Each structure stands twice: as structure tokens, then as C-alpha cells.
Amino acid sequence: MLSVENLEVNFGAVRALKGISLDVHAGEVVALVGANGAGKSTTLRTISGLSRPRGGRIIFDGKPIGGVAPSRIVSLGIAQSPEGRRLFGGLTVADNLRLGACTRTDKDAILRDSERMFMLFPILKQRLKQLAGTLSGGEQQQLALARALMAAPRLLLLDEPSLGVAPLLVRHIFSALAELKRQGMTMLLVEQNITLALDLADRAYVLRTGQVALSGRSAELRDSERVAQAYLGAAT
């Protein structure tokens, strides 16, 4: 479904990504893990069109999307739940969910997906008229995920879904992600908590200073000393 080939991204004189390559197949959950500054979020932002690549290719469903406008990428079937949630805090939960579906015109399908979101995240139904900015951190994260899903993506990009969330709600969120996986949702997950990431993902790429240091099936990477070395190396 997604192929990233030798992706390079610069921020001024800083080389944030130095030739990253990765693949995501339909129905698969793939994790990007690594220390802070390894390039995980930059990879997602570039795939979703929020950062422009300096070199390399991004192929989605057989078509190049590198440098394509973010709105067009959403309409092609890629939605992102961003780090920090980035909700419209002055709008209600219901309004945020409607905005997630703004590229869609199939009203009956939108309504069905709304009900599906309430099954995954029941608290949102109770908070529909509440301003998003007044929700707890865990509730905001659930809303950010639901808003992305309301775009009906074929590929869901997740950037640090556990960040700033209480442990009990982290378990609930990852339980919902596991249910999405069972339903066949394709996901590319950035997550600082490597245990959570590898428990959910089928495969993982370990990034170190803008490059892929290691990749493989999650079960093989879970106890790998090379994973720990990549984390330590990226942090120094």
C-alpha cells in the first residue's frame, strides 16, 4: 500500500531524514520506534504532506505523493492523528468529528462511522456538546483518533498516541487500536513506548538519527540488544 524510498528531508542545514526506506502492506500495522530526534514524526509528516521531501519517493497505492498537498493526500486515503492532538479546542467534540469527515459527501456512511467511533470511544458520545479544549488529555487523544478515522482512511498514521495520557486511558486507546487492527485497518505507528508499539505492530523499523538502523518482525525485535543500542546511539 505504501512504499517510501530513500526519503530525505532537510530543515535548513539540518538533515532530518537521510535516505529512509520502508514499506507498509494492506492490513498491516507497522511501527516506527527510536529515541527522540530519530526522525519518526518527520517521516509521518512528510508522508502526510506537512513537510516537503528533499529527495526520494513516496508511493501510495502505486501513485507518487511526495510533495502533494495535505488535503489531496487525505482525499487519496491517508489520515493522520498528529502528535499533540492538534484539536480545534474552541469547537465541540461533534464539530471536530464533522471536520474529520470534511472531504466526504456520503452522509449515510458518515453517520455509520460516527456510531462506530462511539463504540470504539464511548466517552465521546457523552462529550459531544463539550468544547474539545476542556477534555482531559486522554479524552482529547481519543477524539484526535476518532477525527482521523472519520476521514475513512485506508492508511492511518498515528503519532505518539500515548503521549501525555494517563496509563489507564493508554490501555483503553491501545485496546481500540487492537480492535481496528482486527477489523483490517492499515496503520503506521510512531510510538515512544517500544513495548506498546511492538505488542501492537506486525513489523517495526528502528530509526536512528534520520536513518533506518534495524527492521524486522516485532516478535524478533522485542528482546533484541540491537534495538536498545539504536535507542542509546540516537540519544547521544
C-alpha atoms as a PDB file:
ATOM      1  CA  MET A   1       0.000   0.000   0.000  1.00  0.00           C
ATOM      2  CA  LEU A   2       2.775   2.448   0.956  1.00  0.00           C
ATOM      3  CA  SER A   3       6.375   2.483  -0.199  1.00  0.00           C
ATOM      4  CA  VAL A   4       8.904   5.056   0.975  1.00  0.00           C
ATOM      5  CA  GLU A   5      12.162   5.002  -0.981  1.00  0.00           C
ATOM      6  CA  ASN A   6      15.340   6.834   0.092  1.00  0.00           C
ATOM      7  CA  LEU A   7      13.382   9.676   1.671  1.00  0.00           C
ATOM      8  CA  GLU A   8      15.398  12.794   2.511  1.00  0.00           C
ATOM      9  CA  VAL A   9      14.149  15.833   4.406  1.00  0.00           C
ATOM     10  CA  ASN A  10      16.098  18.936   5.403  1.00  0.00           C
ATOM     11  CA  PHE A  11      15.181  21.678   7.857  1.00  0.00           C
ATOM     12  CA  GLY A  12      17.574  24.413   6.819  1.00  0.00           C
ATOM     13  CA  ALA A  13      21.060  22.975   7.165  1.00  0.00           C
ATOM     14  CA  VAL A  14      19.838  20.071   9.315  1.00  0.00           C
ATOM     15  CA  ARG A  15      19.362  16.711   7.593  1.00  0.00           C
ATOM     16  CA  ALA A  16      16.340  15.301   9.436  1.00  0.00           C
ATOM     17  CA  LEU A  17      15.923  12.222   7.212  1.00  0.00           C
ATOM     18  CA  LYS A  18      18.891  10.660   5.446  1.00  0.00           C
ATOM     19  CA  GLY A  19      17.511   8.183   2.945  1.00  0.00           C
ATOM     20  CA  ILE A  20      14.787   6.303   4.847  1.00  0.00           C
ATOM     21  CA  SER A  21      13.074   3.412   3.084  1.00  0.00           C
ATOM     22  CA  LEU A  22      10.101   1.440   4.395  1.00  0.00           C
ATOM     23  CA  ASP A  23       7.010  -0.447   3.230  1.00  0.00           C
ATOM     24  CA  VAL A  24       3.527  -0.910   4.652  1.00  0.00           C
ATOM     25  CA  HIS A  25       1.248  -3.625   3.278  1.00  0.00           C
ATOM     26  CA  ALA A  26      -2.547  -3.579   3.352  1.00  0.00           C
ATOM     27  CA  GLY A  27      -3.979  -4.778   6.669  1.00  0.00           C
ATOM     28  CA  GLU A  28      -0.637  -4.475   8.420  1.00  0.00           C
ATOM     29  CA  VAL A  29       0.425  -2.435  11.449  1.00  0.00           C
ATOM     30  CA  VAL A  30       3.983  -1.118  11.149  1.00  0.00           C
ATOM     31  CA  ALA A  31       5.737   0.755  13.964  1.00  0.00           C
ATOM     32  CA  LEU A  32       8.458   3.384  13.770  1.00  0.00           C
ATOM     33  CA  VAL A  33      10.431   3.404  17.007  1.00  0.00           C
ATOM     34  CA  GLY A  34      13.584   5.103  18.205  1.00  0.00           C
ATOM     35  CA  ALA A  35      14.862   7.789  20.534  1.00  0.00           C
ATOM     36  CA  ASN A  36      13.747  11.422  20.440  1.00  0.00           C
ATOM     37  CA  GLY A  37      15.123  13.175  17.363  1.00  0.00           C
ATOM     38  CA  ALA A  38      15.451   9.970  15.346  1.00  0.00           C
ATOM     39  CA  GLY A  39      13.121  11.227  12.589  1.00  0.00           C
ATOM     40  CA  LYS A  40       9.932   9.328  13.385  1.00  0.00           C
ATOM     41  CA  SER A  41       7.481  12.237  13.385  1.00  0.00           C
ATOM     42  CA  THR A  42       9.216  13.868  10.414  1.00  0.00           C
ATOM     43  CA  THR A  43       8.639  10.683   8.426  1.00  0.00           C
ATOM     44  CA  LEU A  44       4.903  10.780   9.165  1.00  0.00           C
ATOM     45  CA  ARG A  45       4.631  14.494   8.463  1.00  0.00           C
ATOM     46  CA  THR A  46       6.332  14.042   5.093  1.00  0.00           C
ATOM     47  CA  ILE A  47       4.070  11.142   4.123  1.00  0.00           C
ATOM     48  CA  SER A  48       1.006  13.236   5.000  1.00  0.00           C
ATOM     49  CA  GLY A  49       2.305  16.252   3.055  1.00  0.00           C
ATOM     50  CA  LEU A  50       3.044  18.531   6.014  1.00  0.00           C
ATOM     51  CA  SER A  51       6.805  18.505   5.308  1.00  0.00           C
ATOM     52  CA  ARG A  52       8.301  18.541   1.823  1.00  0.00           C
ATOM     53  CA  PRO A  53      10.873  15.924   0.840  1.00  0.00           C
ATOM     54  CA  ARG A  54      14.269  16.970  -0.481  1.00  0.00           C
ATOM     55  CA  GLY A  55      14.772  13.644  -2.206  1.00  0.00           C
ATOM     56  CA  GLY A  56      13.390  10.135  -2.560  1.00  0.00           C
ATOM     57  CA  ARG A  57       9.905   8.902  -3.379  1.00  0.00           C
ATOM     58  CA  ILE A  58       6.667   8.229  -1.521  1.00  0.00           C
ATOM     59  CA  ILE A  59       4.351   5.826  -3.367  1.00  0.00           C
ATOM     60  CA  PHE A  60       0.790   5.228  -2.147  1.00  0.00           C
ATOM     61  CA  ASP A  61      -1.333   2.677  -3.942  1.00  0.00           C
ATOM     62  CA  GLY A  62       1.045   2.807  -6.909  1.00  0.00           C
ATOM     63  CA  LYS A  63       0.997   6.610  -7.241  1.00  0.00           C
ATOM     64  CA  PRO A  64       3.710   9.099  -6.203  1.00  0.00           C
ATOM     65  CA  ILE A  65       2.511  11.508  -3.497  1.00  0.00           C
ATOM     66  CA  GLY A  66       5.736  13.236  -2.443  1.00  0.00           C
ATOM     67  CA  GLY A  67       5.079  16.981  -2.232  1.00  0.00           C
ATOM     68  CA  VAL A  68       1.327  16.600  -2.828  1.00  0.00           C
ATOM     69  CA  ALA A  69      -0.914  18.954  -0.795  1.00  0.00           C
ATOM     70  CA  PRO A  70      -2.088  17.514   2.549  1.00  0.00           C
ATOM     71  CA  SER A  71      -5.779  17.936   1.646  1.00  0.00           C
ATOM     72  CA  ARG A  72      -5.250  15.897  -1.507  1.00  0.00           C
ATOM     73  CA  ILE A  73      -3.414  13.192   0.438  1.00  0.00           C
ATOM     74  CA  VAL A  74      -6.379  12.912   2.821  1.00  0.00           C
ATOM     75  CA  SER A  75      -8.743  12.523  -0.124  1.00  0.00           C
ATOM     76  CA  LEU A  76      -6.494   9.760  -1.504  1.00  0.00           C
ATOM     77  CA  GLY A  77      -6.970   7.772   1.704  1.00  0.00           C
ATOM     78  CA  ILE A  78      -4.283   8.770   4.243  1.00  0.00           C
ATOM     79  CA  ALA A  79      -5.238  10.417   7.543  1.00  0.00           C
ATOM     80  CA  GLN A  80      -3.007  11.340  10.469  1.00  0.00           C
ATOM     81  CA  SER A  81      -3.649  11.609  14.190  1.00  0.00           C
ATOM     82  CA  PRO A  82      -0.858  14.069  14.990  1.00  0.00           C
ATOM     83  CA  GLU A  83       1.469  14.372  17.945  1.00  0.00           C
ATOM     84  CA  GLY A  84      -0.036  16.789  20.446  1.00  0.00           C
ATOM     85  CA  ARG A  85      -3.525  16.025  19.106  1.00  0.00           C
ATOM     86  CA  ARG A  86      -3.977  19.465  17.397  1.00  0.00           C
ATOM     87  CA  LEU A  87      -7.713  19.637  18.028  1.00  0.00           C
ATOM     88  CA  PHE A  88      -9.876  22.710  17.481  1.00  0.00           C
ATOM     89  CA  GLY A  89     -10.189  23.468  21.174  1.00  0.00           C
ATOM     90  CA  GLY A  90     -12.859  26.154  20.775  1.00  0.00           C
ATOM     91  CA  LEU A  91     -15.157  23.796  18.874  1.00  0.00           C
ATOM     92  CA  THR A  92     -17.252  20.971  20.283  1.00  0.00           C
ATOM     93  CA  VAL A  93     -16.434  17.278  20.076  1.00  0.00           C
ATOM     94  CA  ALA A  94     -19.189  16.920  17.471  1.00  0.00           C
ATOM     95  CA  ASP A  95     -17.715  19.741  15.355  1.00  0.00           C
ATOM     96  CA  ASN A  96     -14.238  18.186  15.466  1.00  0.00           C
ATOM     97  CA  LEU A  97     -15.656  14.865  14.284  1.00  0.00           C
ATOM     98  CA  ARG A  98     -17.533  16.605  11.455  1.00  0.00           C
ATOM     99  CA  LEU A  99     -14.332  18.326  10.368  1.00  0.00           C
ATOM    100  CA  GLY A 100     -12.630  14.937  10.186  1.00  0.00           C
ATOM    101  CA  ALA A 101     -15.164  13.953   7.537  1.00  0.00           C
ATOM    102  CA  CYS A 102     -14.981  17.230   5.596  1.00  0.00           C
ATOM    103  CA  THR A 103     -13.657  15.595   2.407  1.00  0.00           C
ATOM    104  CA  ARG A 104     -16.582  13.130   2.302  1.00  0.00           C
ATOM    105  CA  THR A 105     -20.070  13.518   0.843  1.00  0.00           C
ATOM    106  CA  ASP A 106     -21.633  10.126   1.710  1.00  0.00           C
ATOM    107  CA  LYS A 107     -23.904  11.231   4.571  1.00  0.00           C
ATOM    108  CA  ASP A 108     -25.184   7.750   5.460  1.00  0.00           C
ATOM    109  CA  ALA A 109     -21.642   6.355   5.630  1.00  0.00           C
ATOM    110  CA  ILE A 110     -20.528   9.331   7.744  1.00  0.00           C
ATOM    111  CA  LEU A 111     -23.362   8.637  10.183  1.00  0.00           C
ATOM    112  CA  ARG A 112     -22.409   4.955  10.365  1.00  0.00           C
ATOM    113  CA  ASP A 113     -18.792   5.888  11.026  1.00  0.00           C
ATOM    114  CA  SER A 114     -19.865   8.280  13.783  1.00  0.00           C
ATOM    115  CA  GLU A 115     -21.642   5.421  15.537  1.00  0.00           C
ATOM    116  CA  ARG A 116     -18.564   3.264  15.043  1.00  0.00           C
ATOM    117  CA  MET A 117     -16.457   5.935  16.759  1.00  0.00           C
ATOM    118  CA  PHE A 118     -18.826   5.925  19.725  1.00  0.00           C
ATOM    119  CA  MET A 119     -18.412   2.157  20.017  1.00  0.00           C
ATOM    120  CA  LEU A 120     -14.618   2.486  19.977  1.00  0.00           C
ATOM    121  CA  PHE A 121     -14.547   5.554  22.234  1.00  0.00           C
ATOM    122  CA  PRO A 122     -17.811   5.655  24.268  1.00  0.00           C
ATOM    123  CA  ILE A 123     -16.757   8.763  26.224  1.00  0.00           C
ATOM    124  CA  LEU A 124     -17.026  10.865  23.062  1.00  0.00           C
ATOM    125  CA  LYS A 125     -20.773  10.276  22.833  1.00  0.00           C
ATOM    126  CA  GLN A 126     -21.120  11.656  26.355  1.00  0.00           C
ATOM    127  CA  ARG A 127     -18.985  14.690  25.471  1.00  0.00           C
ATOM    128  CA  LEU A 128     -20.493  15.604  22.080  1.00  0.00           C
ATOM    129  CA  LYS A 129     -21.509  19.128  23.068  1.00  0.00           C
ATOM    130  CA  GLN A 130     -18.420  19.801  25.181  1.00  0.00           C
ATOM    131  CA  LEU A 131     -15.612  22.004  23.863  1.00  0.00           C
ATOM    132  CA  ALA A 132     -12.643  19.890  22.807  1.00  0.00           C
ATOM    133  CA  GLY A 133     -10.241  22.120  24.734  1.00  0.00           C
ATOM    134  CA  THR A 134     -11.953  21.246  28.029  1.00  0.00           C
ATOM    135  CA  LEU A 135     -11.440  17.471  27.673  1.00  0.00           C
ATOM    136  CA  SER A 136      -8.792  15.582  29.618  1.00  0.00           C
ATOM    137  CA  GLY A 137      -5.610  14.581  27.810  1.00  0.00           C
ATOM    138  CA  GLY A 138      -6.817  11.019  27.316  1.00  0.00           C
ATOM    139  CA  GLU A 139     -10.208  12.168  26.052  1.00  0.00           C
ATOM    140  CA  GLN A 140      -8.539  14.569  23.632  1.00  0.00           C
ATOM    141  CA  GLN A 141      -6.375  11.745  22.294  1.00  0.00           C
ATOM    142  CA  GLN A 142      -9.448   9.601  21.705  1.00  0.00           C
ATOM    143  CA  LEU A 143     -11.060  12.497  19.855  1.00  0.00           C
ATOM    144  CA  ALA A 144      -7.940  13.022  17.735  1.00  0.00           C
ATOM    145  CA  LEU A 145      -8.008   9.352  16.737  1.00  0.00           C
ATOM    146  CA  ALA A 146     -11.731   9.429  16.012  1.00  0.00           C
ATOM    147  CA  ARG A 147     -11.388  12.626  13.955  1.00  0.00           C
ATOM    148  CA  ALA A 148      -8.720  10.973  11.781  1.00  0.00           C
ATOM    149  CA  LEU A 149     -10.867   7.859  11.372  1.00  0.00           C
ATOM    150  CA  MET A 150     -13.835   9.980  10.283  1.00  0.00           C
ATOM    151  CA  ALA A 151     -11.896  10.661   7.069  1.00  0.00           C
ATOM    152  CA  ALA A 152     -12.401   6.933   6.281  1.00  0.00           C
ATOM    153  CA  PRO A 153      -8.684   6.389   5.616  1.00  0.00           C
ATOM    154  CA  ARG A 154      -7.193   3.292   4.081  1.00  0.00           C
ATOM    155  CA  LEU A 155      -3.932   4.158   5.862  1.00  0.00           C
ATOM    156  CA  LEU A 156      -3.981   5.639   9.368  1.00  0.00           C
ATOM    157  CA  LEU A 157      -0.861   7.482  10.568  1.00  0.00           C
ATOM    158  CA  LEU A 158      -0.525   7.621  14.360  1.00  0.00           C
ATOM    159  CA  ASP A 159       1.983   9.948  16.006  1.00  0.00           C
ATOM    160  CA  GLU A 160       2.616   9.207  19.707  1.00  0.00           C
ATOM    161  CA  PRO A 161      -0.914   8.170  20.781  1.00  0.00           C
ATOM    162  CA  SER A 162       0.253   7.506  24.363  1.00  0.00           C
ATOM    163  CA  LEU A 163       1.934  10.905  24.835  1.00  0.00           C
ATOM    164  CA  GLY A 164       0.552  12.831  27.809  1.00  0.00           C
ATOM    165  CA  VAL A 165      -2.143  10.235  28.507  1.00  0.00           C
ATOM    166  CA  ALA A 166      -2.797   8.567  31.879  1.00  0.00           C
ATOM    167  CA  PRO A 167      -1.816   4.853  31.965  1.00  0.00           C
ATOM    168  CA  LEU A 168      -5.395   3.616  32.327  1.00  0.00           C
ATOM    169  CA  LEU A 169      -6.507   5.520  29.232  1.00  0.00           C
ATOM    170  CA  VAL A 170      -3.388   4.439  27.339  1.00  0.00           C
ATOM    171  CA  ARG A 171      -4.538   0.850  27.791  1.00  0.00           C
ATOM    172  CA  HIS A 172      -8.004   1.790  26.526  1.00  0.00           C
ATOM    173  CA  ILE A 173      -6.579   3.583  23.477  1.00  0.00           C
ATOM    174  CA  PHE A 174      -4.326   0.682  22.531  1.00  0.00           C
ATOM    175  CA  SER A 175      -7.207  -1.725  23.036  1.00  0.00           C
ATOM    176  CA  ALA A 176      -9.164   0.356  20.499  1.00  0.00           C
ATOM    177  CA  LEU A 177      -6.189   0.282  18.115  1.00  0.00           C
ATOM    178  CA  ALA A 178      -6.020  -3.505  18.501  1.00  0.00           C
ATOM    179  CA  GLU A 179      -9.710  -3.673  17.565  1.00  0.00           C
ATOM    180  CA  LEU A 180      -9.031  -1.549  14.484  1.00  0.00           C
ATOM    181  CA  LYS A 181      -6.238  -3.952  13.583  1.00  0.00           C
ATOM    182  CA  ARG A 182      -8.642  -6.899  13.894  1.00  0.00           C
ATOM    183  CA  GLN A 183     -11.001  -5.043  11.553  1.00  0.00           C
ATOM    184  CA  GLY A 184      -8.220  -4.806   8.954  1.00  0.00           C
ATOM    185  CA  MET A 185      -7.151  -1.155   9.349  1.00  0.00           C
ATOM    186  CA  THR A 186      -3.682  -0.464   7.940  1.00  0.00           C
ATOM    187  CA  MET A 187      -1.612   1.635  10.349  1.00  0.00           C
ATOM    188  CA  LEU A 188       1.797   3.266  10.517  1.00  0.00           C
ATOM    189  CA  LEU A 189       2.508   3.972  14.179  1.00  0.00           C
ATOM    190  CA  VAL A 190       5.074   6.257  15.789  1.00  0.00           C
ATOM    191  CA  GLU A 191       5.317   5.473  19.491  1.00  0.00           C
ATOM    192  CA  GLN A 192       7.984   6.252  22.076  1.00  0.00           C
ATOM    193  CA  ASN A 193       6.837   3.348  24.277  1.00  0.00           C
ATOM    194  CA  ILE A 194       8.531   0.485  22.462  1.00  0.00           C
ATOM    195  CA  THR A 195       6.676  -2.209  24.411  1.00  0.00           C
ATOM    196  CA  LEU A 196       3.277  -0.839  23.390  1.00  0.00           C
ATOM    197  CA  ALA A 197       4.442  -0.370  19.809  1.00  0.00           C
ATOM    198  CA  LEU A 198       5.846  -3.866  19.354  1.00  0.00           C
ATOM    199  CA  ASP A 199       2.885  -5.512  21.074  1.00  0.00           C
ATOM    200  CA  LEU A 200       0.527  -3.931  18.534  1.00  0.00           C
ATOM    201  CA  ALA A 201       2.650  -3.946  15.371  1.00  0.00           C
ATOM    202  CA  ASP A 202       3.356  -6.781  12.961  1.00  0.00           C
ATOM    203  CA  ARG A 203       6.678  -5.258  11.937  1.00  0.00           C
ATOM    204  CA  ALA A 204       8.840  -2.361  13.045  1.00  0.00           C
ATOM    205  CA  TYR A 205      11.575  -0.071  11.820  1.00  0.00           C
ATOM    206  CA  VAL A 206      14.049   1.281  14.354  1.00  0.00           C
ATOM    207  CA  LEU A 207      15.211   4.773  13.392  1.00  0.00           C
ATOM    208  CA  ARG A 208      18.476   6.329  14.493  1.00  0.00           C
ATOM    209  CA  THR A 209      19.456   9.901  13.613  1.00  0.00           C
ATOM    210  CA  GLY A 210      17.361  10.006  10.454  1.00  0.00           C
ATOM    211  CA  GLN A 211      18.173   6.535   9.166  1.00  0.00           C
ATOM    212  CA  VAL A 212      16.789   3.013   9.494  1.00  0.00           C
ATOM    213  CA  ALA A 213      19.111   1.237  11.919  1.00  0.00           C
ATOM    214  CA  LEU A 214      17.169  -2.023  12.122  1.00  0.00           C
ATOM    215  CA  SER A 215      13.941  -3.576  10.897  1.00  0.00           C
ATOM    216  CA  GLY A 216      12.080  -6.837  11.261  1.00  0.00           C
ATOM    217  CA  ARG A 217       9.073  -8.575  12.723  1.00  0.00           C
ATOM    218  CA  SER A 218       8.041  -7.271  16.119  1.00  0.00           C
ATOM    219  CA  ALA A 219       8.497 -10.630  17.825  1.00  0.00           C
ATOM    220  CA  GLU A 220      12.098 -10.750  16.624  1.00  0.00           C
ATOM    221  CA  LEU A 221      12.873  -7.178  17.715  1.00  0.00           C
ATOM    222  CA  ARG A 222      11.210  -7.281  21.134  1.00  0.00           C
ATOM    223  CA  ASP A 223      14.232  -8.634  23.002  1.00  0.00           C
ATOM    224  CA  SER A 224      16.944  -7.523  20.600  1.00  0.00           C
ATOM    225  CA  GLU A 225      20.022  -5.893  22.110  1.00  0.00           C
ATOM    226  CA  ARG A 226      20.496  -4.033  18.815  1.00  0.00           C
ATOM    227  CA  VAL A 227      17.203  -2.204  19.432  1.00  0.00           C
ATOM    228  CA  ALA A 228      18.492  -0.941  22.777  1.00  0.00           C
ATOM    229  CA  GLN A 229      21.767   0.079  21.138  1.00  0.00           C
ATOM    230  CA  ALA A 230      19.896   2.057  18.483  1.00  0.00           C
ATOM    231  CA  TYR A 231      17.970   3.935  21.170  1.00  0.00           C
ATOM    232  CA  LEU A 232      21.123   4.725  23.084  1.00  0.00           C
ATOM    233  CA  GLY A 233      23.010   5.674  19.974  1.00  0.00           C
ATOM    234  CA  ALA A 234      20.313   8.084  18.816  1.00  0.00           C
ATOM    235  CA  ALA A 235      20.240   9.803  22.168  1.00  0.00           C
ATOM    236  CA  THR A 236      23.951  10.598  22.315  1.00  0.00           C
END
